[in-house]
Amino acid sequence: EVRDDLKLMIDSPKLYLHGIDLANATNIGLQFGASLYGRESELQTLKECYQRSISSECEVAMVCGPSGVGKSKLSQEFARSVNENGKSIFFSGRFDKIESQPLHAISSAFDKYCAWVSVEDQLTAGRVSSALKEIVGDDMACLVAVMPSLANILGDDFNANQSNKINNAVDAQKKLRYLFCQFVEVIARCHEEPLILFLDDCQWIDSASVALLYQILMMSGSSIRDHRFF
């Protein structure tokens, strides 16, 4: 049995490692491929959720389980399967136990989106820029403060020095959540492809992010209903 063989290897390593160049042995042994095994049912469930979200209203899927069971791998395989041939736009963020900045994971995900679209899809970036300037206006600086790459979309005419600071922290957070919703509405409207937001390590999610995600979900019944966001 495998257990007995492993015990023998531990007890008599020289017998099993005889003739092996240990300095170059990093690629010797059991190799794991990139395929996903034993999660076909869960992967199919994610795909079905995704199909519902792009055919009707936006939807949230939660991938739960103990550490090490393959949640991230399942999510990566799902992203690969729906992102083939440019069928969707996938961007991600990760919550952190140590990171204390509210909305950090979500702003990081959208910042990555801004960096990507400003380089890879300049036509859409132009549409996003025009729509944001029209809808958000002078409050753009609030979004750029948490998504620096947004400045690449807005172009040279954006005034990075303009400020719309609010002294009350609660009011500032509410305003930022509102602006994020405006941002999501704009990018969902400017893309023909469905948008997929993946957030990892949600056990560390902050209350501001919970409130923002709830607001985005509520938008699915109104302003972004005809657009696809998962």
Protein backbone atom coordinates (compact mmCIF):
# COMPACT_ATOMS: atom_id res chain seq x y z
CA GLU A 1 0.00 0.00 0.00
CA VAL A 2 1.00 3.62 -0.48
CA ARG A 3 1.07 4.20 3.26
CA ASP A 4 3.56 1.36 3.78
CA ASP A 5 5.74 2.62 0.91
CA LEU A 6 5.79 6.12 2.35
CA LYS A 7 6.79 4.75 5.76
CA LEU A 8 9.64 2.82 4.17
CA MET A 9 10.81 5.96 2.37
CA ILE A 10 10.86 7.83 5.67
CA ASP A 11 12.65 5.02 7.50
CA SER A 12 15.15 4.24 4.71
CA PRO A 13 15.58 7.37 2.57
CA LYS A 14 19.00 6.29 1.19
CA LEU A 15 17.46 3.17 -0.30
CA TYR A 16 14.86 5.12 -2.24
CA LEU A 17 16.95 8.17 -3.07
CA HIS A 18 20.01 6.22 -4.22
CA GLY A 19 21.44 7.60 -7.45
CA ILE A 20 19.28 10.75 -7.46
CA ASP A 21 20.94 14.12 -7.84
CA LEU A 22 19.20 15.93 -5.01
CA ALA A 23 20.47 19.30 -6.19
CA ASN A 24 18.38 18.92 -9.35
CA ALA A 25 15.52 16.91 -7.92
CA THR A 26 12.93 19.69 -7.81
CA ASN A 27 10.99 18.26 -10.74
CA ILE A 28 11.18 14.64 -9.62
CA GLY A 29 8.16 13.00 -8.09
CA LEU A 30 4.40 13.40 -8.26
CA GLN A 31 3.33 16.11 -10.68
CA PHE A 32 -0.05 17.84 -10.61
CA GLY A 33 -1.53 19.16 -13.82
CA ALA A 34 -3.58 22.27 -14.33
CA SER A 35 -6.87 20.39 -14.64
CA LEU A 36 -9.59 20.57 -12.00
CA TYR A 37 -10.68 17.23 -10.53
CA GLY A 38 -13.73 16.31 -8.48
CA ARG A 39 -15.45 19.68 -8.73
CA GLU A 40 -17.50 19.20 -11.90
CA SER A 41 -20.82 19.69 -10.07
CA GLU A 42 -19.70 22.91 -8.37
CA LEU A 43 -18.23 24.22 -11.64
CA GLN A 44 -21.50 23.53 -13.42
CA THR A 45 -23.41 25.38 -10.68
CA LEU A 46 -21.20 28.43 -11.18
CA LYS A 47 -21.75 28.30 -14.93
CA GLU A 48 -25.51 28.13 -14.45
CA CYS A 49 -25.42 31.14 -12.09
CA TYR A 50 -23.38 33.00 -14.67
CA GLN A 51 -25.80 32.19 -17.48
CA ARG A 52 -28.72 33.46 -15.39
CA SER A 53 -26.85 36.67 -14.61
CA ILE A 54 -26.20 37.49 -18.27
CA SER A 55 -29.71 36.59 -19.41
CA SER A 56 -31.74 38.36 -16.72
CA GLU A 57 -30.38 40.18 -13.65
CA CYS A 58 -26.96 40.34 -12.02
CA GLU A 59 -26.27 37.57 -9.53
CA VAL A 60 -23.84 36.68 -6.74
CA ALA A 61 -22.30 33.23 -6.23
CA MET A 62 -20.55 32.29 -2.99
CA VAL A 63 -17.83 29.60 -3.03
CA CYS A 64 -17.49 28.39 0.57
CA GLY A 65 -15.40 25.74 2.32
CA PRO A 66 -12.42 25.13 4.60
CA SER A 67 -8.97 26.32 3.64
CA GLY A 68 -7.23 24.11 1.07
CA VAL A 69 -10.28 22.46 -0.49
CA GLY A 70 -9.72 24.20 -3.84
CA LYS A 71 -12.02 27.24 -3.77
CA SER A 72 -9.54 29.47 -5.60
CA LYS A 73 -8.75 26.74 -8.12
CA LEU A 74 -12.45 26.25 -8.81
CA SER A 75 -12.89 29.99 -9.33
CA GLN A 76 -9.88 30.11 -11.67
CA GLU A 77 -11.26 27.23 -13.73
CA PHE A 78 -14.63 28.96 -13.92
CA ALA A 79 -12.94 32.19 -15.08
CA ARG A 80 -10.99 30.25 -17.73
CA SER A 81 -14.11 28.50 -19.01
CA VAL A 82 -16.20 31.66 -19.44
CA ASN A 83 -13.36 33.86 -20.62
CA GLU A 84 -12.45 31.81 -23.68
CA ASN A 85 -12.39 33.83 -26.90
CA GLY A 86 -12.94 37.08 -25.01
CA LYS A 87 -16.52 36.24 -24.05
CA SER A 88 -16.34 38.10 -20.74
CA ILE A 89 -14.21 40.51 -18.72
CA PHE A 90 -12.92 39.04 -15.45
CA PHE A 91 -11.28 41.10 -12.71
CA SER A 92 -10.55 40.24 -9.11
CA GLY A 93 -9.63 41.52 -5.66
CA ARG A 94 -8.69 39.93 -2.36
CA PHE A 95 -9.73 40.86 1.16
CA ASP A 96 -6.97 40.93 3.74
CA LYS A 97 -7.12 40.44 7.50
CA ILE A 98 -4.38 43.04 8.00
CA GLU A 99 -5.55 45.62 5.45
CA SER A 100 -7.71 48.14 7.33
CA GLN A 101 -8.68 50.41 4.43
CA PRO A 102 -12.44 50.05 3.71
CA LEU A 103 -13.35 48.89 0.21
CA HIS A 104 -9.71 47.96 -0.46
CA ALA A 105 -10.41 44.67 -2.28
CA ILE A 106 -13.15 46.14 -4.46
CA SER A 107 -11.22 49.29 -5.32
CA SER A 108 -8.17 47.15 -6.11
CA ALA A 109 -10.23 45.00 -8.49
CA PHE A 110 -11.64 48.02 -10.30
CA ASP A 111 -8.21 49.63 -10.40
CA LYS A 112 -6.93 46.55 -12.23
CA TYR A 113 -9.83 46.89 -14.64
CA CYS A 114 -8.92 50.54 -15.29
CA ALA A 115 -5.29 49.62 -15.94
CA TRP A 116 -6.37 46.87 -18.34
CA VAL A 117 -8.99 48.77 -20.33
CA SER A 118 -6.80 51.87 -20.74
CA VAL A 119 -4.21 49.73 -22.57
CA GLU A 120 -6.12 46.83 -24.15
CA ASP A 121 -9.41 48.48 -25.17
CA GLN A 122 -8.90 52.18 -25.75
CA LEU A 123 -12.17 52.55 -27.65
CA THR A 124 -14.16 51.40 -24.62
CA ALA A 125 -11.87 53.43 -22.35
CA GLY A 126 -12.90 56.53 -24.30
CA ARG A 127 -16.59 55.73 -23.83
CA VAL A 128 -16.05 55.11 -20.12
CA SER A 129 -14.17 58.40 -19.78
CA SER A 130 -16.89 60.43 -21.51
CA ALA A 131 -19.69 58.82 -19.52
CA LEU A 132 -17.92 59.25 -16.18
CA LYS A 133 -17.14 62.90 -16.83
CA GLU A 134 -20.79 63.51 -17.68
CA ILE A 135 -22.28 61.55 -14.75
CA VAL A 136 -19.71 61.94 -11.97
CA GLY A 137 -18.29 65.34 -12.86
CA ASP A 138 -16.16 67.04 -10.24
CA ASP A 139 -16.45 64.05 -7.89
CA MET A 140 -14.08 62.12 -10.15
CA ALA A 141 -11.18 62.89 -7.82
CA CYS A 142 -12.81 60.77 -5.10
CA LEU A 143 -12.73 57.72 -7.37
CA VAL A 144 -9.20 58.39 -8.62
CA ALA A 145 -8.02 58.53 -5.00
CA VAL A 146 -8.97 54.87 -4.52
CA MET A 147 -8.44 53.77 -8.15
CA PRO A 148 -5.28 55.56 -9.37
CA SER A 149 -5.38 53.81 -12.76
CA LEU A 150 -8.67 55.54 -13.50
CA ALA A 151 -6.60 58.63 -14.29
CA ASN A 152 -5.19 56.75 -17.31
CA ILE A 153 -8.73 56.45 -18.69
CA LEU A 154 -9.68 60.06 -18.02
CA GLY A 155 -6.73 61.48 -19.91
CA ASP A 156 -4.68 64.65 -19.64
CA ASP A 157 -7.65 66.96 -19.09
CA PHE A 158 -8.40 65.41 -15.69
CA ASN A 159 -7.34 67.71 -12.87
CA ALA A 160 -5.67 65.48 -10.30
CA ASN A 161 -5.49 68.37 -7.84
CA GLN A 162 -9.22 68.96 -7.59
CA SER A 163 -10.61 67.97 -4.22
CA ASN A 164 -14.07 67.18 -2.91
CA LYS A 165 -13.25 66.13 0.62
CA ILE A 166 -16.04 65.59 3.14
CA ASN A 167 -15.21 66.09 6.79
CA ASN A 168 -17.72 63.57 8.11
CA ALA A 169 -16.29 60.05 7.67
CA VAL A 170 -19.73 58.40 7.47
CA ASP A 171 -20.93 60.80 4.78
CA ALA A 172 -17.63 60.34 2.88
CA GLN A 173 -18.06 56.58 2.87
CA LYS A 174 -21.67 56.85 1.68
CA LYS A 175 -20.59 59.18 -1.10
CA LEU A 176 -17.80 56.84 -2.17
CA ARG A 177 -20.19 53.89 -2.30
CA TYR A 178 -22.56 55.96 -4.43
CA LEU A 179 -19.73 56.88 -6.80
CA PHE A 180 -18.67 53.24 -7.05
CA CYS A 181 -22.22 52.34 -8.08
CA GLN A 182 -22.09 55.06 -10.74
CA PHE A 183 -18.78 53.62 -11.94
CA VAL A 184 -20.20 50.09 -12.15
CA GLU A 185 -23.22 51.36 -14.06
CA VAL A 186 -20.98 53.14 -16.56
CA ILE A 187 -18.60 50.26 -17.28
CA ALA A 188 -21.46 47.76 -17.50
CA ARG A 189 -23.14 50.01 -20.06
CA CYS A 190 -19.95 50.61 -22.07
CA HIS A 191 -19.06 46.93 -22.55
CA GLU A 192 -20.85 44.44 -24.75
CA GLU A 193 -19.17 41.59 -22.84
CA PRO A 194 -20.43 40.50 -19.39
CA LEU A 195 -18.39 41.74 -16.42
CA ILE A 196 -17.30 39.27 -13.72
CA LEU A 197 -16.05 40.53 -10.36
CA PHE A 198 -14.27 37.88 -8.25
CA LEU A 199 -13.55 38.66 -4.58
CA ASP A 200 -11.35 36.23 -2.66
CA ASP A 201 -11.02 35.65 1.11
CA CYS A 202 -14.42 37.14 1.89
CA GLN A 203 -14.11 36.03 5.52
CA TRP A 204 -12.14 39.28 5.96
CA ILE A 205 -14.69 41.49 4.22
CA ASP A 206 -15.29 44.91 5.81
CA SER A 207 -18.71 46.38 6.52
CA ALA A 208 -18.30 49.13 3.89
CA SER A 209 -17.69 46.50 1.19
CA VAL A 210 -20.77 44.55 2.32
CA ALA A 211 -22.85 47.72 2.01
CA LEU A 212 -21.40 48.51 -1.43
CA LEU A 213 -22.02 45.02 -2.82
CA TYR A 214 -25.59 45.22 -1.53
CA GLN A 215 -26.08 48.54 -3.32
CA ILE A 216 -24.70 47.09 -6.55
CA LEU A 217 -27.09 44.17 -6.27
CA MET A 218 -30.01 46.54 -5.75
CA MET A 219 -28.99 48.30 -8.96
CA SER A 220 -29.73 45.09 -10.84
CA GLY A 221 -33.40 45.85 -10.49
CA SER A 222 -33.06 49.26 -12.08
CA SER A 223 -30.17 51.01 -13.81
CA ILE A 224 -27.99 48.04 -14.84
CA ARG A 225 -30.77 45.54 -15.33
CA ASP A 226 -30.22 45.38 -19.08
CA HIS A 227 -26.45 44.95 -18.64
CA ARG A 228 -24.56 41.89 -17.49
CA PHE A 229 -22.70 41.87 -14.20
CA PHE A 230 -21.75 38.73 -12.21
